[in-house]
Amino acid sequence: MSTRGTYRIGTLIAVVLLVEVLAWAFGLGLWLSAERYLPQFRLERRWVLWGLFAGPVLTLLYLIGLGLKNRALRRFSSAPLLPYMVPGVSSWRSGLKFLLLRHGFSFAVFALAGPQMGTRLEEVKAEGVDVVVALDVSNSMLAEDLKPDRMEVAKRALSQLIDRMKGDRLGIVVFAGEAFTQLPITADRSAAKLFLSSIGPDMVNAQGTAIGAAIDLAHRSFQPGGAKGRAILVISDGESFEDDGEAAAKSAAGDGIVVNTIGLGSPEGAPIPERRGREVVGFKKDREGQTVMTKLNEDMLRRIAAAGQGEYVRASAADTGIDALVAHLRNMDQTEIGSYTFAGHEDRYQYFLAIACALLLLGLLMGERGLPSNWNSFLPWTA
């Protein structure tokens, strides 16, 4: 409780901003977890979530308002007389009242967004194509000529592809010196998203870049009786020395499978960092002790795309090229594909609305002033 007759602005700023950051971190963590692990969860009106950004604005206005109150109090009376002229000014009550109202507002916004949970699985029909992504996870993908590095841009490209696949099915093959299937062709986008967190060069023991083996494995991944439109998407820097990627792409194209490629890196190249934990401790060297430079082999990736009757796109840190390739996929023959999704969604806004009402009610009932430190002097029997 303040005995100065003014609000402790510094303390309130620290506490309110700390709670604000923790609330956003907690909320985003729950949201990402629900998106990944609870496919039966959805929001009926996602656009309402934009209202959550009013929270930081309210916080800023509250802190500015406290500053203006303090200025007005100091003009009203001298500092020694303020505790007597304006008794009971309580910083912690003011802060707690605001936090209750502010976060009650957030729960109310989330309730208005219409959280729902699916209660049963139903088969739905959608038109789409089958796509197998062949993803390069060799050490050269750690080069940082694309920021933060080629691997992260590749993961972003795969994430964007998953987000843009509505009625399509997706499979994933990873490769370095050898290739193996990470995800069979499926309509389950949450399973594909789950895979993203585990991508890295340590997935494959044999290093190198066997693009041909990856295309052959992707070719064999397509199921009999699958979609008419079938495509392979190779995401790589194109440094292939192990096999013939063009021949594999030509073989796939002979079976009606289009092979597209995305190039990662720069023609000038970059060294391959070696890390201990997250710290870069040096760069990969050859047997002569020279720093190894890894370069984007655009010519190789263009030839593979041409042999596979597909398209080549060069990725950048700002544009992964996925949008252009998805537009190309939409021009392919679409097939009606059956998949399962959660239906019979039931509203769950009541829980969030109840929490919002409780917080708002507590905030409205709480006063901003406590008993003054010299409260005994105000009692009639002490006069």
Protein backbone atom coordinates (compact mmCIF):
# COMPACT_ATOMS: atom_id res chain seq x y z
CA MET A 1 0.00 0.00 0.00
CA SER A 2 1.40 3.36 -0.95
CA THR A 3 1.92 5.97 1.73
CA ARG A 4 3.04 8.64 -0.69
CA GLY A 5 -0.40 9.63 -2.04
CA THR A 6 0.72 8.74 -5.58
CA TYR A 7 0.97 5.57 -7.63
CA ARG A 8 4.26 3.66 -7.88
CA ILE A 9 4.56 3.96 -11.65
CA GLY A 10 7.85 2.07 -12.00
CA THR A 11 6.64 -0.95 -10.04
CA LEU A 12 3.28 -1.03 -11.83
CA ILE A 13 4.91 -0.82 -15.25
CA ALA A 14 7.20 -3.75 -14.42
CA VAL A 15 4.41 -5.94 -13.01
CA VAL A 16 1.82 -5.16 -15.69
CA LEU A 17 4.26 -5.67 -18.58
CA LEU A 18 5.56 -8.91 -17.06
CA VAL A 19 2.02 -10.28 -16.74
CA GLU A 20 1.29 -9.12 -20.31
CA VAL A 21 4.31 -10.97 -21.74
CA LEU A 22 3.58 -14.12 -19.73
CA ALA A 23 -0.08 -14.09 -20.78
CA TRP A 24 0.83 -13.81 -24.48
CA ALA A 25 3.48 -16.54 -24.19
CA PHE A 26 1.08 -18.86 -22.38
CA GLY A 27 -1.77 -18.16 -24.80
CA LEU A 28 0.37 -18.67 -27.92
CA GLY A 29 1.80 -21.87 -26.45
CA LEU A 30 -1.69 -23.27 -25.86
CA TRP A 31 -2.81 -22.18 -29.32
CA LEU A 32 0.13 -23.86 -31.10
CA SER A 33 -0.33 -27.02 -29.03
CA ALA A 34 -4.03 -27.16 -29.91
CA GLU A 35 -3.29 -26.63 -33.60
CA ARG A 36 -0.77 -29.46 -33.59
CA TYR A 37 -2.23 -32.03 -31.21
CA LEU A 38 -6.00 -31.36 -31.21
CA PRO A 39 -7.32 -31.67 -34.79
CA GLN A 40 -10.86 -31.80 -33.36
CA PHE A 41 -10.51 -28.23 -32.02
CA ARG A 42 -11.52 -25.25 -34.14
CA LEU A 43 -12.71 -21.65 -33.89
CA GLU A 44 -15.95 -20.75 -35.64
CA ARG A 45 -15.01 -17.08 -36.04
CA ARG A 46 -11.22 -16.79 -36.16
CA TRP A 47 -11.33 -13.18 -37.31
CA VAL A 48 -12.61 -12.19 -33.85
CA LEU A 49 -9.13 -13.00 -32.45
CA TRP A 50 -7.90 -9.72 -33.91
CA GLY A 51 -9.67 -8.17 -30.94
CA LEU A 52 -6.97 -9.61 -28.66
CA PHE A 53 -4.58 -6.95 -29.96
CA ALA A 54 -6.73 -4.36 -28.18
CA GLY A 55 -5.26 -5.76 -24.92
CA PRO A 56 -1.77 -4.24 -25.34
CA VAL A 57 -3.42 -0.95 -26.36
CA LEU A 58 -5.48 -0.96 -23.16
CA THR A 59 -2.33 -1.70 -21.16
CA LEU A 60 -0.53 1.25 -22.72
CA LEU A 61 -3.50 3.57 -22.11
CA TYR A 62 -3.71 2.41 -18.47
CA LEU A 63 -0.03 3.15 -17.80
CA ILE A 64 -0.29 6.55 -19.52
CA GLY A 65 -3.41 7.28 -17.45
CA LEU A 66 -1.55 6.50 -14.22
CA GLY A 67 1.19 8.90 -15.20
CA LEU A 68 -1.36 11.62 -15.83
CA LYS A 69 -3.05 10.87 -12.46
CA ASN A 70 0.26 11.21 -10.65
CA ARG A 71 0.93 14.53 -12.36
CA ALA A 72 -2.50 15.81 -11.36
CA LEU A 73 -2.01 14.66 -7.74
CA ARG A 74 1.33 16.46 -7.49
CA ARG A 75 -0.29 19.64 -8.77
CA PHE A 76 -3.10 19.24 -6.29
CA SER A 77 -0.87 19.19 -3.21
CA SER A 78 2.72 19.18 -2.05
CA ALA A 79 4.38 15.78 -1.58
CA PRO A 80 4.38 15.78 2.29
CA LEU A 81 0.63 16.53 2.40
CA LEU A 82 -0.49 14.12 -0.33
CA PRO A 83 -0.97 11.08 1.98
CA TYR A 84 -3.35 13.21 4.09
CA MET A 85 -5.08 15.07 1.26
CA VAL A 86 -5.61 11.94 -0.87
CA PRO A 87 -5.57 9.04 1.61
CA GLY A 88 -5.67 5.40 0.63
CA VAL A 89 -4.03 5.56 -2.82
CA SER A 90 -3.11 1.92 -3.46
CA SER A 91 -0.84 0.95 -6.34
CA TRP A 92 -1.37 -2.79 -5.98
CA ARG A 93 -5.18 -2.45 -5.90
CA SER A 94 -5.12 -0.28 -9.00
CA GLY A 95 -2.85 -2.74 -10.82
CA LEU A 96 -4.85 -5.80 -9.79
CA LYS A 97 -8.13 -4.16 -10.80
CA PHE A 98 -6.74 -3.36 -14.23
CA LEU A 99 -5.31 -6.86 -14.74
CA LEU A 100 -8.63 -8.47 -13.84
CA LEU A 101 -10.52 -6.27 -16.30
CA ARG A 102 -7.89 -6.52 -19.03
CA HIS A 103 -7.65 -10.33 -19.00
CA GLY A 104 -11.38 -10.71 -18.50
CA PHE A 105 -11.67 -8.83 -21.80
CA SER A 106 -9.27 -11.32 -23.48
CA PHE A 107 -11.29 -14.32 -22.32
CA ALA A 108 -14.46 -12.61 -23.57
CA VAL A 109 -12.88 -12.09 -27.01
CA PHE A 110 -11.83 -15.75 -27.16
CA ALA A 111 -15.35 -16.82 -26.18
CA LEU A 112 -16.77 -14.67 -28.99
CA ALA A 113 -14.41 -16.43 -31.45
CA GLY A 114 -16.52 -19.56 -30.90
CA PRO A 115 -14.21 -22.36 -29.67
CA GLN A 116 -15.62 -25.75 -30.63
CA MET A 117 -14.65 -29.41 -30.29
CA GLY A 118 -15.48 -32.11 -32.83
CA THR A 119 -17.34 -35.09 -31.45
CA ARG A 120 -17.07 -37.63 -34.27
CA LEU A 121 -15.10 -38.48 -37.41
CA GLU A 122 -16.85 -38.25 -40.77
CA GLU A 123 -15.60 -39.04 -44.24
CA VAL A 124 -15.62 -36.04 -46.55
CA LYS A 125 -14.94 -35.83 -50.26
CA ALA A 126 -12.58 -33.27 -51.72
CA GLU A 127 -10.77 -32.86 -55.02
CA GLY A 128 -7.02 -32.80 -54.97
CA VAL A 129 -3.71 -34.30 -56.05
CA ASP A 130 -1.09 -36.54 -54.46
CA VAL A 131 2.25 -34.88 -53.72
CA VAL A 132 5.44 -36.43 -52.37
CA VAL A 133 8.06 -33.99 -51.09
CA ALA A 134 11.69 -35.13 -51.37
CA LEU A 135 13.51 -33.03 -48.78
CA ASP A 136 17.30 -32.66 -48.72
CA VAL A 137 18.67 -33.01 -45.16
CA SER A 138 22.40 -33.17 -46.01
CA ASN A 139 24.97 -31.11 -44.10
CA SER A 140 25.17 -28.59 -46.93
CA MET A 141 21.63 -27.49 -46.02
CA LEU A 142 23.08 -25.87 -42.90
CA ALA A 143 24.85 -23.21 -44.99
CA GLU A 144 23.73 -19.70 -44.15
CA ASP A 145 23.58 -18.04 -47.57
CA LEU A 146 19.82 -18.04 -46.92
CA LYS A 147 18.89 -16.67 -43.52
CA PRO A 148 18.83 -18.16 -41.01
CA ASP A 149 20.02 -21.18 -43.08
CA ARG A 150 18.90 -23.33 -45.99
CA MET A 151 17.34 -25.95 -43.73
CA GLU A 152 15.08 -23.45 -41.99
CA VAL A 153 13.91 -22.03 -45.32
CA ALA A 154 13.20 -25.59 -46.52
CA LYS A 155 11.15 -26.24 -43.37
CA ARG A 156 9.24 -23.01 -43.94
CA ALA A 157 8.52 -24.05 -47.54
CA LEU A 158 7.20 -27.43 -46.39
CA SER A 159 5.07 -25.78 -43.70
CA GLN A 160 3.56 -23.39 -46.26
CA LEU A 161 2.83 -26.30 -48.60
CA ILE A 162 1.01 -28.18 -45.82
CA ASP A 163 -1.06 -25.09 -45.00
CA ARG A 164 -2.11 -24.66 -48.63
CA MET A 165 -3.15 -28.27 -49.16
CA LYS A 166 -6.92 -28.49 -48.75
CA GLY A 167 -8.14 -31.58 -50.57
CA ASP A 168 -4.67 -32.87 -51.42
CA ARG A 169 -2.64 -35.68 -49.89
CA LEU A 170 1.02 -35.44 -48.95
CA GLY A 171 3.95 -37.79 -48.42
CA ILE A 172 7.49 -36.95 -47.31
CA VAL A 173 10.81 -38.52 -48.28
CA VAL A 174 14.06 -37.30 -46.72
CA PHE A 175 17.44 -37.85 -48.26
CA ALA A 176 21.15 -37.16 -47.99
CA GLY A 177 23.51 -39.95 -49.11
CA GLU A 178 20.50 -42.27 -48.99
CA ALA A 179 16.74 -41.79 -48.96
CA PHE A 180 13.92 -43.13 -46.83
CA THR A 181 10.20 -42.50 -46.38
CA GLN A 182 9.39 -40.33 -43.40
CA LEU A 183 5.64 -39.98 -44.02
CA PRO A 184 3.55 -42.17 -46.36
CA ILE A 185 0.99 -40.36 -48.49
CA THR A 186 -1.77 -39.15 -46.20
CA ALA A 187 -4.45 -36.48 -45.86
CA ASP A 188 -3.52 -35.96 -42.20
CA ARG A 189 -1.96 -32.51 -42.18
CA SER A 190 -1.37 -32.58 -38.42
CA ALA A 191 0.93 -35.60 -38.86
CA ALA A 192 2.88 -33.72 -41.53
CA LYS A 193 3.18 -30.67 -39.26
CA LEU A 194 4.43 -32.86 -36.43
CA PHE A 195 7.27 -34.05 -38.65
CA LEU A 196 8.62 -30.52 -39.16
CA SER A 197 10.13 -30.23 -35.68
CA SER A 198 12.38 -33.26 -36.21
CA ILE A 199 13.94 -32.25 -39.54
CA GLY A 200 17.73 -32.10 -39.54
CA PRO A 201 20.94 -33.60 -40.98
CA ASP A 202 21.14 -36.13 -38.14
CA MET A 203 18.12 -37.95 -39.62
CA VAL A 204 20.30 -39.72 -42.21
CA ASN A 205 23.64 -41.33 -41.30
CA ALA A 206 25.10 -41.43 -44.82
CA GLN A 207 25.91 -37.91 -45.94
CA GLY A 208 25.80 -36.74 -49.55
CA THR A 209 22.95 -35.72 -51.86
CA ALA A 210 21.33 -38.69 -53.62
CA ILE A 211 18.58 -36.86 -55.49
CA GLY A 212 18.04 -39.74 -57.90
CA ALA A 213 17.45 -42.23 -55.07
CA ALA A 214 15.01 -39.79 -53.44
CA ILE A 215 13.01 -39.36 -56.67
CA ASP A 216 12.92 -43.13 -57.22
CA LEU A 217 11.63 -43.70 -53.68
CA ALA A 218 9.05 -40.92 -54.07
CA HIS A 219 8.03 -42.51 -57.40
CA ARG A 220 7.38 -45.83 -55.67
CA SER A 221 5.44 -44.13 -52.84
CA PHE A 222 2.37 -43.41 -54.96
CA GLN A 223 -0.42 -45.83 -54.24
CA PRO A 224 -2.30 -47.76 -56.94
CA GLY A 225 -5.69 -46.19 -57.51
CA GLY A 226 -4.58 -42.87 -56.05
CA ALA A 227 -5.15 -39.41 -57.48
CA LYS A 228 -4.84 -38.79 -61.21
CA GLY A 229 -2.72 -35.74 -60.54
CA ARG A 230 0.60 -36.83 -59.03
CA ALA A 231 3.67 -34.73 -58.38
CA ILE A 232 7.08 -34.94 -56.73
CA LEU A 233 8.58 -31.81 -55.21
CA VAL A 234 12.35 -31.87 -54.66
CA ILE A 235 13.61 -29.27 -52.15
CA SER A 236 17.41 -29.19 -52.31
CA ASP A 237 20.54 -27.17 -53.04
CA GLY A 238 21.16 -29.50 -56.02
CA GLU A 239 24.66 -30.67 -55.04
CA SER A 240 24.19 -34.27 -56.21
CA PHE A 241 27.23 -36.43 -56.83
CA GLU A 242 25.86 -39.88 -56.02
CA ASP A 243 23.40 -40.72 -58.83
CA ASP A 244 21.44 -39.58 -61.87
CA GLY A 245 18.56 -37.35 -60.82
CA GLU A 246 17.59 -36.61 -64.44
CA ALA A 247 17.07 -40.27 -65.29
CA ALA A 248 14.93 -40.77 -62.16
CA ALA A 249 12.83 -37.71 -63.04
CA LYS A 250 12.39 -38.91 -66.62
CA SER A 251 11.26 -42.32 -65.34
CA ALA A 252 8.70 -40.68 -63.04
CA ALA A 253 7.43 -38.46 -65.86
CA GLY A 254 6.95 -41.59 -68.00
CA ASP A 255 4.36 -42.74 -65.43
CA GLY A 256 2.57 -39.41 -65.50
CA ILE A 257 4.24 -38.00 -62.38
CA VAL A 258 5.41 -34.37 -62.61
CA VAL A 259 8.71 -33.55 -60.92
CA ASN A 260 9.13 -29.98 -59.64
CA THR A 261 12.22 -28.59 -57.92
CA ILE A 262 12.96 -25.78 -55.47
CA GLY A 263 16.54 -24.55 -55.26
CA LEU A 264 17.98 -23.39 -51.94
CA GLY A 265 21.19 -21.38 -51.58
CA SER A 266 23.23 -19.05 -53.76
CA PRO A 267 25.48 -19.69 -56.77
CA GLU A 268 28.32 -17.94 -54.90
CA GLY A 269 28.02 -20.49 -52.11
CA ALA A 270 28.76 -20.45 -48.39
CA PRO A 271 30.77 -22.51 -45.88
CA ILE A 272 29.12 -25.27 -43.86
CA PRO A 273 29.14 -24.33 -40.16
CA GLU A 274 30.06 -26.86 -37.49
CA ARG A 275 28.30 -26.34 -34.17
CA ARG A 276 28.67 -27.34 -30.59
CA GLY A 277 25.12 -26.96 -29.35
CA ARG A 278 23.95 -23.68 -30.89
CA GLU A 279 27.41 -22.12 -31.05
CA VAL A 280 29.35 -22.13 -34.32
CA VAL A 281 32.86 -23.47 -33.55
CA GLY A 282 34.22 -23.59 -37.10
CA PHE A 283 33.52 -24.58 -40.68
CA LYS A 284 33.71 -27.90 -42.46
CA LYS A 285 37.07 -28.53 -44.17
CA ASP A 286 38.26 -30.98 -46.80
CA ARG A 287 41.22 -33.38 -46.52
CA GLU A 288 43.65 -30.63 -47.52
CA GLY A 289 42.38 -28.41 -44.73
CA GLN A 290 40.54 -26.02 -47.06
CA THR A 291 37.13 -24.68 -46.08
CA VAL A 292 34.39 -26.46 -48.03
CA MET A 293 32.11 -24.15 -49.99
CA THR A 294 28.65 -25.43 -50.90
CA LYS A 295 26.93 -23.80 -53.87
CA LEU A 296 23.45 -23.92 -55.31
CA ASN A 297 23.51 -26.09 -58.44
CA GLU A 298 20.71 -24.43 -60.38
CA ASP A 299 21.68 -26.13 -63.63
CA MET A 300 21.19 -29.58 -62.08
CA LEU A 301 17.78 -28.68 -60.59
CA ARG A 302 16.60 -27.11 -63.86
CA ARG A 303 17.58 -30.25 -65.80
CA ILE A 304 15.75 -32.47 -63.30
CA ALA A 305 12.60 -30.32 -63.55
CA ALA A 306 12.79 -30.36 -67.35
CA ALA A 307 13.22 -34.14 -67.41
CA GLY A 308 10.26 -34.47 -65.04
CA GLN A 309 8.11 -32.08 -67.14
CA GLY A 310 7.81 -29.79 -64.13
CA GLU A 311 9.00 -26.38 -63.02
CA TYR A 312 12.07 -25.06 -61.21
CA VAL A 313 11.78 -22.25 -58.66
CA ARG A 314 14.63 -20.65 -56.76
CA ALA A 315 13.77 -19.90 -53.14
CA SER A 316 14.83 -16.83 -51.21
CA ALA A 317 14.55 -15.88 -47.55
CA ALA A 318 11.46 -13.80 -48.43
CA ASP A 319 9.80 -16.15 -50.95
CA THR A 320 10.06 -19.94 -50.78
CA GLY A 321 8.42 -20.39 -54.19
CA ILE A 322 5.63 -22.54 -52.80
CA ASP A 323 2.83 -20.27 -54.05
CA ALA A 324 3.98 -20.61 -57.67
CA LEU A 325 4.21 -24.39 -57.41
CA VAL A 326 0.83 -24.73 -55.67
CA ALA A 327 -0.72 -22.76 -58.56
CA HIS A 328 0.90 -25.29 -60.91
CA LEU A 329 -0.56 -28.18 -58.89
CA ARG A 330 -4.04 -26.67 -59.18
CA ASN A 331 -3.78 -26.95 -62.97
CA MET A 332 -3.27 -30.72 -62.73
CA ASP A 333 -6.08 -33.28 -62.93
CA GLN A 334 -7.98 -33.22 -59.66
CA THR A 335 -9.35 -36.44 -58.17
CA GLU A 336 -12.14 -36.86 -55.63
CA ILE A 337 -10.36 -38.16 -52.55
CA GLY A 338 -12.04 -39.41 -49.41
CA SER A 339 -10.57 -38.28 -46.11
CA TYR A 340 -11.72 -38.16 -42.52
CA THR A 341 -12.32 -35.02 -40.55
CA PHE A 342 -13.94 -34.15 -37.24
CA ALA A 343 -17.61 -33.17 -37.44
CA GLY A 344 -20.50 -32.60 -35.07
CA HIS A 345 -18.69 -29.68 -33.46
CA GLU A 346 -20.11 -28.55 -30.13
CA ASP A 347 -19.67 -25.08 -28.64
CA ARG A 348 -17.22 -24.72 -25.77
CA TYR A 349 -17.38 -20.93 -25.43
CA GLN A 350 -19.27 -21.26 -22.12
CA TYR A 351 -16.12 -22.05 -20.13
CA PHE A 352 -14.21 -19.06 -21.46
CA LEU A 353 -17.24 -16.78 -21.05
CA ALA A 354 -17.62 -17.90 -17.42
CA ILE A 355 -13.98 -17.06 -16.71
CA ALA A 356 -14.40 -13.69 -18.46
CA CYS A 357 -17.49 -12.83 -16.40
CA ALA A 358 -15.77 -13.82 -13.15
CA LEU A 359 -12.68 -11.70 -13.89
CA LEU A 360 -14.71 -8.71 -15.05
CA LEU A 361 -17.03 -8.89 -12.03
CA LEU A 362 -14.09 -9.06 -9.61
CA GLY A 363 -12.45 -6.15 -11.40
CA LEU A 364 -15.59 -4.01 -11.24
CA LEU A 365 -16.18 -4.76 -7.56
CA MET A 366 -12.60 -4.04 -6.53
CA GLY A 367 -11.91 -0.48 -5.47
CA GLU A 368 -8.66 1.28 -6.31
CA ARG A 369 -8.10 2.63 -2.81
CA GLY A 370 -7.14 0.89 0.40
CA LEU A 371 -7.22 2.16 3.96
CA PRO A 372 -4.83 5.09 4.43
CA SER A 373 -1.73 4.47 6.55
CA ASN A 374 -2.99 7.02 9.13
CA TRP A 375 -6.54 5.57 9.16
CA ASN A 376 -6.70 5.65 13.02
CA SER A 377 -6.76 9.43 12.93
CA PHE A 378 -10.03 9.34 10.95
CA LEU A 379 -11.91 7.31 13.56
CA PRO A 380 -14.24 9.40 15.81
CA TRP A 381 -13.08 7.84 19.05
CA THR A 382 -9.44 8.84 18.28
CA ALA A 383 -10.30 12.47 17.69
